[in-house]
Amino acid sequence: MPTNVHDLPLHDVDARMLRILCVLLTECNVSRAAKLLDISQPTASQSLKRWRDLVGDPLLVRSGSRMMRTDRGTEILNKVTLILGELHDIIRPQQEFDALHSRRKISIFAANALGPYFVPRLVELLQKEAPRMALDLHPMVSESRLLEDLNTGNVDVALGNWPTPPANMHYARLFQSPIVCLVRPEHPLAQRTGITLQEYLQQNHLSPTPSSSISISPISARLAEIGVRRHIAISITEFSLVPHILSRSDLMFTTAAAFANDMAQQHGFHLLQAPPELGSMTFYMLWQERMHKSAYGQWLRSIIKRIFAEIYMQQV
């Protein structure tokens, strides 16, 4: 048997030919088949002759006043019926994703800054709308590894605050936030309302992104664009550790106002307006082409957008 689809002797067989053959073998009557197909009887007869030549079998033979299928004809009818059914499933309109009954695993990468704000809301929503689905959250990885995971299907969607969304990916902007700096009340700058770029560069900084990963840090990447670099004294991969470290040091932490306001209220930190040169921070959702039109992908993105709309509305 041929193992390569390009080696199959299909002889320009198309869906129309398959449908005509299916009706001919079902009806066992050329005139009736032609009427059902809304084609002429000579066309139906010619199609039957062509199929006989292709498969090397008469398919329909006369038995008294009627025609009946040969054994090969019955075998082919069963297979053609399955093929046409598969074709129908391929080209029919996509049905909505049934989250309530699905047991599919959701696989998400979320920048660690989003964890305390996004993940609890996501879990709460999934418990109500998709109680049988499992959630797999991926830790921080390099940009190249993340793109590989998206391309291979190891990750369904990625959420982060890249300076620029990676190329060759679909993306949607989730929300944009001003950038602010957080310090403890005992910090030398705690009585200030803002900070200049020169003063900012003189500080020791706490960062959730390693200094070696400038390309995925919205702060470090922006500073690199204007030709300067801050001193990252401590880099951590767990955002929840930030308040504990900040409260015991004179480090400065830079983040989106959407998160900083909540952190300042909970832990008594002081907020400083970041240097205007830093601009604002934009959060994106990325997904690969394979997820773009899938019912599951559309459902998952709608869930994520709902959560971020809620987060954003609470911050304005």
Foldseek 3Di string as FASTA:
>chain_A
DDPDPVPDPCVPDDLVLLVLLLLCQVVQDLCVSCVVVVHDSVVSVVSQVVVCVVVVHNQWDDDPPTIHGDPVVVVSSVVSVVVVVVVCVVPPDADADQLQPDQEEAFEEEQQLCVVQQVVVLVVVCCVRRVNYHYHYDFDDAPVVVVVCQVVVVHAKYKAFFLDPDPQWDKDWQDKFAKKKWAACPAPCLVAAADAPVRQQVFAAEEQDDPVRQRRDLQQVLCVVVPDGHHHPHYHRHPVCVLVVRNVDNHMYMDGPLSVVVSCVVRVIGIHRYHCSSPIIIMMMIHHPVLPPHSVSVVVVVSSSVSSVVSVVVRD
